[in-house]
Protein backbone atom coordinates (compact mmCIF):
# COMPACT_ATOMS: atom_id res chain seq x y z
CA MET A 1 7.93 -15.18 4.71
CA PHE A 2 9.20 -13.11 1.77
CA SER A 3 10.44 -14.35 -1.59
CA LEU A 4 12.69 -11.39 -2.37
CA PRO A 5 14.01 -10.69 -5.88
CA VAL A 6 17.48 -12.08 -6.41
CA PRO A 7 20.33 -9.50 -6.40
CA SER A 8 20.89 -9.85 -10.16
CA ARG A 9 17.39 -8.46 -10.82
CA ARG A 10 17.59 -5.49 -8.52
CA GLU A 11 19.38 -3.08 -10.83
CA SER A 12 16.69 -3.43 -13.50
CA LEU A 13 14.00 -3.02 -10.85
CA ARG A 14 15.76 0.09 -9.54
CA ARG A 15 15.80 1.62 -13.01
CA GLN A 16 12.11 0.86 -13.48
CA PHE A 17 11.27 2.39 -10.11
CA ALA A 18 13.29 5.51 -10.91
CA ALA A 19 11.47 5.89 -14.25
CA ASP A 20 7.89 5.11 -13.18
CA GLY A 21 7.74 5.60 -9.42
CA TYR A 22 6.27 2.08 -9.34
CA VAL A 23 7.61 -1.45 -9.51
CA ALA A 24 5.64 -4.70 -9.31
CA LEU A 25 6.91 -7.43 -6.99
CA PRO A 26 4.87 -10.50 -7.99
CA GLY A 27 4.94 -13.40 -5.57
CA LEU A 28 6.71 -11.30 -2.94
CA ILE A 29 4.98 -13.19 -0.12
CA SER A 30 5.72 -16.91 0.08
CA PRO A 31 2.73 -19.31 0.12
CA THR A 32 3.36 -20.08 3.78
CA GLY A 33 3.68 -16.39 4.57
CA LEU A 34 0.48 -15.60 2.71
CA ALA A 35 -1.44 -18.15 4.77
CA GLU A 36 -0.02 -16.77 8.02
CA LEU A 37 -0.64 -13.13 7.13
CA GLY A 38 -4.12 -13.92 5.87
CA GLU A 39 -4.98 -15.44 9.23
CA GLU A 40 -3.53 -12.40 11.02
CA ALA A 41 -5.55 -10.03 8.83
CA ARG A 42 -8.81 -11.89 9.46
CA ARG A 43 -8.18 -11.72 13.19
CA LEU A 44 -7.29 -8.02 13.11
CA GLU A 45 -10.24 -7.11 10.91
CA ALA A 46 -12.57 -7.78 13.83
CA ASP A 47 -11.24 -4.54 15.40
CA ALA A 48 -11.08 -2.51 12.18
CA VAL A 49 -13.28 0.54 11.59
CA ARG A 50 -15.59 1.21 8.66
CA ARG A 51 -14.86 4.53 6.89
CA ASP A 52 -17.25 6.28 4.49
CA PHE A 53 -16.34 9.91 3.84
CA ARG A 54 -14.56 12.29 1.48
CA MET A 55 -10.99 13.30 2.30
CA PRO A 56 -10.91 17.11 2.59
CA CYS A 57 -7.15 17.46 2.09
CA MET A 58 -7.19 15.25 -1.03
CA GLY A 59 -9.69 17.03 -3.26
CA ASP A 60 -12.68 15.51 -1.45
CA SER A 61 -11.86 12.12 -2.99
CA PRO A 62 -13.92 9.24 -1.56
CA ARG A 63 -12.97 6.72 1.08
CA HIS A 64 -15.21 3.66 1.31
CA MET A 65 -13.17 1.04 3.13
CA THR A 66 -12.43 -0.66 6.44
CA THR A 67 -9.14 0.22 8.13
CA LEU A 68 -6.92 -0.49 11.10
CA GLY A 69 -4.07 1.81 12.09
CA GLY A 70 -0.52 0.89 12.90
CA ASP A 71 -0.75 1.51 16.62
CA ARG A 72 -3.44 -1.17 16.97
CA ILE A 73 -1.49 -3.53 14.72
CA ALA A 74 1.68 -3.05 16.78
CA ARG A 75 -0.25 -3.83 19.94
CA ASP A 76 -1.98 -6.95 18.60
CA SER A 77 0.30 -8.43 15.92
CA PRO A 78 4.00 -9.00 16.67
CA VAL A 79 4.16 -10.92 13.38
CA ILE A 80 3.37 -7.86 11.27
CA THR A 81 5.59 -5.62 13.39
CA ARG A 82 8.56 -7.93 12.86
CA LEU A 83 7.82 -8.17 9.17
CA TYR A 84 7.79 -4.38 8.81
CA GLU A 85 11.27 -4.22 10.35
CA ASP A 86 12.73 -7.15 8.36
CA ARG A 87 16.34 -6.22 7.54
CA ASP A 88 16.48 -8.06 4.21
CA LEU A 89 13.28 -6.33 3.12
CA MET A 90 14.61 -2.90 4.05
CA ARG A 91 17.87 -3.60 2.19
CA LEU A 92 15.78 -4.41 -0.89
CA LEU A 93 13.80 -1.17 -0.55
CA SER A 94 17.00 0.83 -0.12
CA SER A 95 18.49 -0.73 -3.25
CA LEU A 96 15.37 0.09 -5.30
CA LEU A 97 15.19 3.66 -3.98
CA GLY A 98 18.92 4.26 -4.40
CA GLU A 99 19.29 5.60 -0.86
CA ALA A 100 18.59 4.41 2.66
CA ALA A 101 14.99 3.48 3.43
CA VAL A 102 14.13 3.66 7.12
CA ALA A 103 11.13 3.00 9.33
CA VAL A 104 8.50 5.69 9.83
CA HIS A 105 8.33 6.88 13.43
CA ASP A 106 4.59 7.61 13.36
CA PRO A 107 3.00 4.55 15.03
CA VAL A 108 -0.34 5.06 13.27
CA GLU A 109 0.89 5.31 9.68
CA ARG A 110 3.90 3.00 9.60
CA HIS A 111 1.86 -0.17 8.87
CA VAL A 112 -1.88 -0.20 8.22
CA LEU A 113 -4.55 -2.67 7.15
CA ASN A 114 -6.93 -1.64 4.33
CA VAL A 115 -9.92 -3.79 3.40
CA LEU A 116 -12.33 -3.22 0.50
CA HIS A 117 -15.24 -5.66 0.77
CA ARG A 118 -18.45 -4.02 -0.48
CA PRO A 119 -19.48 -3.11 -4.04
CA GLY A 120 -18.20 0.40 -4.75
CA ASP A 121 -15.54 0.29 -2.03
CA THR A 122 -12.61 2.46 -3.04
CA HIS A 123 -9.53 4.22 -1.73
CA GLY A 124 -9.82 7.50 -3.59
CA ALA A 125 -7.18 9.73 -5.13
CA HIS A 126 -4.26 10.73 -2.93
CA THR A 127 -0.58 11.04 -2.38
CA ASP A 128 1.09 9.84 0.83
CA ASP A 129 2.97 11.64 3.58
CA TYR A 130 6.06 9.48 3.19
CA PRO A 131 8.17 8.56 0.14
CA LEU A 132 7.67 4.80 -0.02
CA ALA A 133 4.59 2.60 0.15
CA LEU A 134 5.12 -1.14 0.05
CA VAL A 135 1.72 -2.75 -0.51
CA LEU A 136 1.26 -6.47 0.23
CA PHE A 137 -1.79 -8.24 -1.21
CA LEU A 138 -3.46 -10.79 1.04
CA GLU A 139 -6.72 -10.89 -0.95
CA ALA A 140 -7.54 -9.43 -4.37
CA PRO A 141 -10.33 -9.59 -6.96
CA PRO A 142 -9.61 -12.38 -9.45
CA HIS A 143 -10.05 -10.37 -12.66
CA PRO A 144 -9.15 -6.80 -13.67
CA ALA A 145 -12.79 -6.18 -14.65
CA ASP A 146 -13.77 -6.73 -11.00
CA GLY A 147 -12.08 -3.49 -9.90
CA GLY A 148 -9.75 -3.02 -6.95
CA LEU A 149 -6.96 -1.98 -9.33
CA LEU A 150 -4.10 0.33 -8.49
CA GLU A 151 -4.40 3.40 -10.71
CA PHE A 152 -1.46 5.81 -10.79
CA ARG A 153 0.09 8.56 -12.89
CA PRO A 154 3.86 8.11 -13.30
CA GLY A 155 5.81 11.24 -12.48
CA ARG A 156 2.78 13.33 -11.56
CA GLY A 157 1.52 14.26 -8.10
CA ASP A 158 -1.53 16.26 -9.20
CA LEU A 159 -4.63 14.22 -8.36
CA GLY A 160 -6.43 15.57 -11.42
CA ASP A 161 -3.88 13.86 -13.66
CA LEU A 162 -5.45 10.51 -12.78
CA ASP A 163 -8.37 11.40 -15.04
CA GLY A 164 -6.18 12.30 -18.01
CA PRO A 165 -4.01 10.44 -20.51
CA GLY A 166 -1.04 8.59 -19.14
CA ALA A 167 -2.70 7.07 -16.07
CA ARG A 168 -2.02 3.36 -15.61
CA ARG A 169 -4.10 0.60 -14.05
CA VAL A 170 -2.50 -2.53 -12.61
CA HIS A 171 -4.05 -5.79 -11.40
CA HIS A 172 -2.36 -7.70 -8.57
CA ARG A 173 -2.93 -11.16 -7.12
CA PRO A 174 -2.77 -12.50 -3.55
CA GLY A 175 0.87 -12.80 -2.53
CA ASP A 176 1.96 -9.96 -4.81
CA GLY A 177 3.49 -6.71 -3.68
CA TYR A 178 4.39 -3.42 -5.24
CA LEU A 179 6.55 -0.46 -4.30
CA LEU A 180 5.30 3.05 -5.04
CA ARG A 181 7.01 6.44 -4.77
CA SER A 182 3.84 7.42 -3.02
CA ASP A 183 4.57 11.02 -2.00
CA LEU A 184 5.18 12.14 -5.61
CA THR A 185 2.81 9.84 -7.49
CA ALA A 186 -0.95 10.46 -7.62
CA HIS A 187 -2.73 7.15 -7.07
CA ARG A 188 -6.01 5.52 -6.08
CA VAL A 189 -7.78 2.16 -5.99
CA THR A 190 -10.65 1.65 -8.43
CA PRO A 191 -14.05 0.66 -6.94
CA LEU A 192 -15.00 -2.97 -6.43
CA GLY A 193 -17.46 -3.90 -9.13
CA ARG A 194 -19.74 -6.54 -7.63
CA PRO A 195 -20.71 -8.34 -4.39
CA GLY A 196 -18.48 -11.06 -3.02
CA LEU A 197 -15.16 -9.41 -3.83
CA ARG A 198 -12.46 -8.57 -1.31
CA ARG A 199 -9.22 -6.62 -1.50
CA THR A 200 -7.15 -6.88 1.68
CA VAL A 201 -3.73 -5.27 1.80
CA LEU A 202 -1.06 -4.32 4.29
CA ASN A 203 0.51 -0.97 3.49
CA PHE A 204 4.01 -0.49 4.90
CA ALA A 205 5.22 3.14 4.83
CA TYR A 206 8.94 3.92 4.81
CA THR A 207 10.90 7.14 4.62
CA THR A 208 14.44 8.44 4.30
CA PRO A 209 16.81 9.60 7.07
CA GLY A 210 15.86 13.02 8.37
CA ARG A 211 12.37 12.96 6.90
CA GLN A 212 9.84 12.20 9.60
CA GLY A 213 6.46 13.75 10.37
CA ALA A 214 3.19 13.79 8.43
CA THR A 215 2.57 16.58 5.93
CA THR A 216 -1.24 16.21 5.81
CA SER A 217 -4.08 15.17 8.11
CA SER A 218 -5.12 12.28 5.87
CA ALA A 219 -3.70 9.42 7.96
CA SER A 220 -5.23 10.71 11.19
CA LEU A 221 -8.64 10.92 9.52
CA LEU A 222 -8.40 7.46 8.01
CA TYR A 223 -6.70 5.45 10.75
CA ASP A 224 -7.12 7.13 14.15
């Protein structure tokens, strides 16, 4: 299901991740895998919950999105659960991080489905509870001007830094992935700009040995 980077590329990717807290993984999902995961996501979305609120522990940044937590995914999608635990994938993540990457114990936050599908939908400014976020794109707006872009500030965890110089915006396509040092890097998703657009992603959270347990209430508010 994955088209993982070849070993000869991993050292350069590790250096980029260490420098920026972000690395793009274009074409990470194979075409066959993308079709299978897209079908899974459409099926799961029927049980997802619409969220429209401001996150109190993240500077009252907005959440306008549809979500499904990891406990429901684990119950209803063995495919995604197996993918999250894929050994080759976790070896890749460990090599990019430079230390062991392990599964998150929290059943709600370990793998979640996030869908933006209305004009103005956004996943506002935040940092994550755990060190690594692997984001897999199943659907994405076709052009950067359509919104739905990852915006992040390398090396800075202050949410206010997203509005200053140095913030980056990145466009991704269906089948792409990216890895983010999500506990130390302020990030958000820019609003969808027009009707008819969709951004559907799976977010896989990973941590390091000995580091388990949420540090904020954000996941419980967004996915419970």
